[in-house]
PDB file of N, CA and C in Angstrom:
ATOM      1  N   MET A   1    -130.302 -21.268 -26.162  1.00  0.00           N
ATOM      2  CA  MET A   1    -129.422 -22.006 -26.769  1.00  0.00           C
ATOM      3  C   MET A   1    -130.975 -23.636 -26.815  1.00  0.00           C
ATOM      4  N   THR A   2    -130.373 -24.620 -27.668  1.00  0.00           N
ATOM      5  CA  THR A   2    -131.654 -25.318 -27.344  1.00  0.00           C
ATOM      6  C   THR A   2    -130.054 -26.674 -26.687  1.00  0.00           C
ATOM      7  N   LYS A   3    -131.781 -28.076 -25.788  1.00  0.00           N
ATOM      8  CA  LYS A   3    -130.318 -27.816 -24.736  1.00  0.00           C
ATOM      9  C   LYS A   3    -129.658 -29.120 -26.412  1.00  0.00           C
ATOM     10  N   THR A   4    -130.043 -29.331 -27.373  1.00  0.00           N
ATOM     11  CA  THR A   4    -128.964 -30.752 -27.830  1.00  0.00           C
ATOM     12  C   THR A   4    -128.217 -30.315 -28.247  1.00  0.00           C
ATOM     13  N   LEU A   5    -127.469 -28.391 -27.845  1.00  0.00           N
ATOM     14  CA  LEU A   5    -126.344 -27.780 -29.157  1.00  0.00           C
ATOM     15  C   LEU A   5    -126.038 -28.244 -27.037  1.00  0.00           C
ATOM     16  N   VAL A   6    -125.893 -27.361 -25.913  1.00  0.00           N
ATOM     17  CA  VAL A   6    -125.503 -27.141 -24.829  1.00  0.00           C
ATOM     18  C   VAL A   6    -124.639 -28.921 -25.046  1.00  0.00           C
ATOM     19  N   VAL A   7    -125.494 -30.146 -25.038  1.00  0.00           N
ATOM     20  CA  VAL A   7    -125.275 -31.158 -25.184  1.00  0.00           C
ATOM     21  C   VAL A   7    -123.996 -32.071 -24.754  1.00  0.00           C
ATOM     22  N   ILE A   8    -123.737 -31.495 -26.822  1.00  0.00           N
ATOM     23  CA  ILE A   8    -123.241 -31.761 -28.199  1.00  0.00           C
ATOM     24  C   ILE A   8    -121.852 -30.535 -27.609  1.00  0.00           C
ATOM     25  N   GLY A   9    -121.969 -29.788 -27.457  1.00  0.00           N
ATOM     26  CA  GLY A   9    -121.005 -29.078 -26.851  1.00  0.00           C
ATOM     27  C   GLY A   9    -120.242 -29.647 -25.736  1.00  0.00           C
ATOM     28  N   LEU A  10    -121.093 -29.938 -24.757  1.00  0.00           N
ATOM     29  CA  LEU A  10    -119.916 -30.579 -23.377  1.00  0.00           C
ATOM     30  C   LEU A  10    -119.168 -31.628 -23.904  1.00  0.00           C
ATOM     31  N   LEU A  11    -120.350 -32.454 -24.885  1.00  0.00           N
ATOM     32  CA  LEU A  11    -119.430 -33.937 -25.054  1.00  0.00           C
ATOM     33  C   LEU A  11    -118.206 -33.186 -26.333  1.00  0.00           C
ATOM     34  N   ALA A  12    -117.772 -32.491 -26.792  1.00  0.00           N
ATOM     35  CA  ALA A  12    -116.600 -31.649 -27.637  1.00  0.00           C
ATOM     36  C   ALA A  12    -115.293 -31.729 -26.502  1.00  0.00           C
ATOM     37  N   LEU A  13    -117.033 -30.704 -25.232  1.00  0.00           N
ATOM     38  CA  LEU A  13    -115.242 -30.698 -24.830  1.00  0.00           C
ATOM     39  C   LEU A  13    -114.559 -31.112 -23.723  1.00  0.00           C
ATOM     40  N   ALA A  14    -114.817 -32.509 -23.380  1.00  0.00           N
ATOM     41  CA  ALA A  14    -114.975 -33.320 -23.178  1.00  0.00           C
ATOM     42  C   ALA A  14    -113.672 -33.677 -24.241  1.00  0.00           C
ATOM     43  N   GLY A  15    -113.923 -34.723 -25.116  1.00  0.00           N
ATOM     44  CA  GLY A  15    -113.983 -35.121 -26.302  1.00  0.00           C
ATOM     45  C   GLY A  15    -112.581 -34.032 -26.099  1.00  0.00           C
ATOM     46  N   PHE A  16    -112.007 -32.937 -26.133  1.00  0.00           N
ATOM     47  CA  PHE A  16    -110.976 -32.285 -26.631  1.00  0.00           C
ATOM     48  C   PHE A  16    -110.326 -31.954 -25.637  1.00  0.00           C
ATOM     49  N   LEU A  17    -110.500 -32.461 -24.016  1.00  0.00           N
ATOM     50  CA  LEU A  17    -109.971 -31.873 -23.097  1.00  0.00           C
ATOM     51  C   LEU A  17    -109.491 -34.135 -23.587  1.00  0.00           C
ATOM     52  N   ALA A  18    -110.344 -34.908 -24.132  1.00  0.00           N
ATOM     53  CA  ALA A  18    -109.328 -36.592 -23.633  1.00  0.00           C
ATOM     54  C   ALA A  18    -107.832 -36.167 -24.790  1.00  0.00           C
ATOM     55  N   GLY A  19    -108.246 -35.471 -25.187  1.00  0.00           N
ATOM     56  CA  GLY A  19    -107.399 -35.978 -26.356  1.00  0.00           C
ATOM     57  C   GLY A  19    -106.233 -34.543 -25.625  1.00  0.00           C
ATOM     58  N   GLY A  20    -106.759 -33.678 -24.927  1.00  0.00           N
ATOM     59  CA  GLY A  20    -104.792 -32.691 -23.756  1.00  0.00           C
ATOM     60  C   GLY A  20    -104.403 -34.408 -23.075  1.00  0.00           C
ATOM     61  N   VAL A  21    -105.347 -35.411 -22.367  1.00  0.00           N
ATOM     62  CA  VAL A  21    -105.087 -36.085 -21.237  1.00  0.00           C
ATOM     63  C   VAL A  21    -103.954 -37.357 -22.226  1.00  0.00           C
ATOM     64  N   TYR A  22    -104.537 -37.571 -23.335  1.00  0.00           N
ATOM     65  CA  TYR A  22    -103.736 -38.347 -23.969  1.00  0.00           C
ATOM     66  C   TYR A  22    -101.617 -37.760 -24.706  1.00  0.00           C
ATOM     67  N   ALA A  23    -102.364 -37.123 -23.986  1.00  0.00           N
ATOM     68  CA  ALA A  23    -100.860 -35.798 -25.666  1.00  0.00           C
ATOM     69  C   ALA A  23     -99.844 -35.491 -24.338  1.00  0.00           C
ATOM     70  N   THR A  24    -100.307 -35.883 -23.307  1.00  0.00           N
ATOM     71  CA  THR A  24     -99.438 -34.894 -22.135  1.00  0.00           C
ATOM     72  C   THR A  24     -99.060 -36.296 -21.466  1.00  0.00           C
ATOM     73  N   TRP A  25     -99.529 -37.543 -21.461  1.00  0.00           N
ATOM     74  CA  TRP A  25     -99.942 -38.296 -20.055  1.00  0.00           C
ATOM     75  C   TRP A  25     -97.946 -38.585 -20.108  1.00  0.00           C
ATOM     76  N   LYS A  26     -97.409 -39.084 -20.941  1.00  0.00           N
ATOM     77  CA  LYS A  26     -96.526 -39.311 -20.789  1.00  0.00           C
ATOM     78  C   LYS A  26     -94.598 -38.162 -20.051  1.00  0.00           C
ATOM     79  N   THR A  27     -94.652 -37.147 -19.860  1.00  0.00           N
ATOM     80  CA  THR A  27     -94.453 -35.385 -19.571  1.00  0.00           C
ATOM     81  C   THR A  27     -94.659 -35.066 -18.555  1.00  0.00           C
ATOM     82  N   THR A  28     -96.050 -35.191 -18.827  1.00  0.00           N
ATOM     83  CA  THR A  28     -96.546 -34.359 -17.383  1.00  0.00           C
ATOM     84  C   THR A  28     -98.257 -34.742 -16.836  1.00  0.00           C
ATOM     85  N   ARG A  29     -97.391 -36.038 -15.768  1.00  0.00           N
ATOM     86  CA  ARG A  29     -98.501 -36.303 -15.095  1.00  0.00           C
ATOM     87  C   ARG A  29     -99.482 -36.058 -14.455  1.00  0.00           C
ATOM     88  N   GLY A  30     -99.788 -34.907 -13.863  1.00  0.00           N
ATOM     89  CA  GLY A  30     -99.809 -34.372 -12.634  1.00  0.00           C
ATOM     90  C   GLY A  30    -101.005 -33.600 -13.391  1.00  0.00           C
ATOM     91  N   LEU A  31    -100.219 -33.030 -15.047  1.00  0.00           N
ATOM     92  CA  LEU A  31    -101.438 -31.892 -15.573  1.00  0.00           C
ATOM     93  C   LEU A  31    -102.347 -32.813 -16.422  1.00  0.00           C
ATOM     94  N   ALA A  32    -102.521 -34.396 -16.734  1.00  0.00           N
ATOM     95  CA  ALA A  32    -103.122 -34.862 -17.270  1.00  0.00           C
ATOM     96  C   ALA A  32    -104.391 -35.450 -16.621  1.00  0.00           C
ATOM     97  N   ILE A  33    -103.832 -35.316 -14.710  1.00  0.00           N
ATOM     98  CA  ILE A  33    -104.665 -36.248 -13.770  1.00  0.00           C
ATOM     99  C   ILE A  33    -106.020 -34.482 -14.337  1.00  0.00           C
ATOM    100  N   ALA A  34    -105.248 -33.799 -13.861  1.00  0.00           N
ATOM    101  CA  ALA A  34    -105.964 -32.432 -14.047  1.00  0.00           C
ATOM    102  C   ALA A  34    -107.389 -32.518 -15.434  1.00  0.00           C
ATOM    103  N   LEU A  35    -106.831 -32.599 -15.890  1.00  0.00           N
ATOM    104  CA  LEU A  35    -107.543 -32.466 -17.460  1.00  0.00           C
ATOM    105  C   LEU A  35    -108.596 -33.854 -16.895  1.00  0.00           C
ATOM    106  N   ALA A  36    -108.325 -35.085 -16.840  1.00  0.00           N
ATOM    107  CA  ALA A  36    -108.817 -36.374 -16.794  1.00  0.00           C
ATOM    108  C   ALA A  36    -110.397 -35.541 -16.002  1.00  0.00           C
ATOM    109  N   VAL A  37    -110.362 -35.561 -14.861  1.00  0.00           N
ATOM    110  CA  VAL A  37    -110.724 -34.571 -13.689  1.00  0.00           C
ATOM    111  C   VAL A  37    -111.843 -33.880 -14.624  1.00  0.00           C
ATOM    112  N   LEU A  38    -111.344 -32.472 -15.534  1.00  0.00           N
ATOM    113  CA  LEU A  38    -111.995 -32.141 -16.041  1.00  0.00           C
ATOM    114  C   LEU A  38    -113.220 -33.023 -17.105  1.00  0.00           C
ATOM    115  N   VAL A  39    -111.846 -33.927 -17.662  1.00  0.00           N
ATOM    116  CA  VAL A  39    -113.266 -34.313 -18.753  1.00  0.00           C
ATOM    117  C   VAL A  39    -114.911 -35.508 -17.797  1.00  0.00           C
ATOM    118  N   VAL A  40    -114.436 -35.995 -16.605  1.00  0.00           N
ATOM    119  CA  VAL A  40    -114.806 -36.220 -15.655  1.00  0.00           C
ATOM    120  C   VAL A  40    -115.948 -35.311 -15.527  1.00  0.00           C
ATOM    121  N   VAL A  41    -115.466 -33.868 -15.550  1.00  0.00           N
ATOM    122  CA  VAL A  41    -116.384 -33.456 -15.108  1.00  0.00           C
ATOM    123  C   VAL A  41    -117.788 -33.104 -16.214  1.00  0.00           C
ATOM    124  N   ALA A  42    -116.783 -32.654 -17.374  1.00  0.00           N
ATOM    125  CA  ALA A  42    -117.777 -32.115 -18.522  1.00  0.00           C
ATOM    126  C   ALA A  42    -118.172 -33.418 -19.037  1.00  0.00           C
ATOM    127  N   LEU A  43    -118.114 -34.044 -19.107  1.00  0.00           N
ATOM    128  CA  LEU A  43    -119.144 -35.406 -18.704  1.00  0.00           C
ATOM    129  C   LEU A  43    -120.811 -35.789 -18.941  1.00  0.00           C
ATOM    130  N   GLY A  44    -119.950 -35.676 -17.153  1.00  0.00           N
ATOM    131  CA  GLY A  44    -121.248 -35.618 -15.950  1.00  0.00           C
ATOM    132  C   GLY A  44    -121.914 -34.553 -16.996  1.00  0.00           C
ATOM    133  N   GLY A  45    -121.739 -33.292 -16.831  1.00  0.00           N
ATOM    134  CA  GLY A  45    -122.398 -31.895 -16.900  1.00  0.00           C
ATOM    135  C   GLY A  45    -123.283 -32.135 -17.641  1.00  0.00           C
ATOM    136  N   ALA A  46    -122.598 -32.997 -18.744  1.00  0.00           N
ATOM    137  CA  ALA A  46    -123.296 -33.538 -20.728  1.00  0.00           C
ATOM    138  C   ALA A  46    -125.085 -34.540 -19.557  1.00  0.00           C
ATOM    139  N   VAL A  47    -124.207 -35.044 -19.192  1.00  0.00           N
ATOM    140  CA  VAL A  47    -125.136 -36.244 -18.571  1.00  0.00           C
ATOM    141  C   VAL A  47    -126.341 -35.851 -18.237  1.00  0.00           C
ATOM    142  N   ALA A  48    -126.423 -35.110 -16.984  1.00  0.00           N
ATOM    143  CA  ALA A  48    -126.671 -33.787 -15.788  1.00  0.00           C
ATOM    144  C   ALA A  48    -127.959 -32.863 -16.631  1.00  0.00           C
ATOM    145  N   TRP A  49    -127.730 -31.866 -18.279  1.00  0.00           N
ATOM    146  CA  TRP A  49    -127.845 -30.877 -18.648  1.00  0.00           C
ATOM    147  C   TRP A  49    -128.886 -32.026 -19.215  1.00  0.00           C
ATOM    148  N   TYR A  50    -128.738 -33.362 -20.473  1.00  0.00           N
ATOM    149  CA  TYR A  50    -129.609 -34.271 -20.996  1.00  0.00           C
ATOM    150  C   TYR A  50    -131.009 -34.173 -19.974  1.00  0.00           C
ATOM    151  N   LEU A  51    -130.764 -35.215 -19.034  1.00  0.00           N
ATOM    152  CA  LEU A  51    -130.765 -35.784 -17.890  1.00  0.00           C
ATOM    153  C   LEU A  51    -131.769 -34.560 -17.213  1.00  0.00           C
ATOM    154  N   GLY A  52    -131.495 -32.976 -16.984  1.00  0.00           N
ATOM    155  CA  GLY A  52    -132.273 -32.496 -16.291  1.00  0.00           C
ATOM    156  C   GLY A  52    -134.075 -31.778 -16.735  1.00  0.00           C
TER     157      GLY A  52
END
């Protein structure tokens, strides 16, 4: 896989997870916080992969 496709995939995953945070915030805050942590991990992975 090319570097660009991996970065785009990780950014798409982060966006999908961010939508989950938005959808679950009012009902299940614990799950929303866990998803937010995963968003940060996915974004960090995308940046690290791009710069690495």
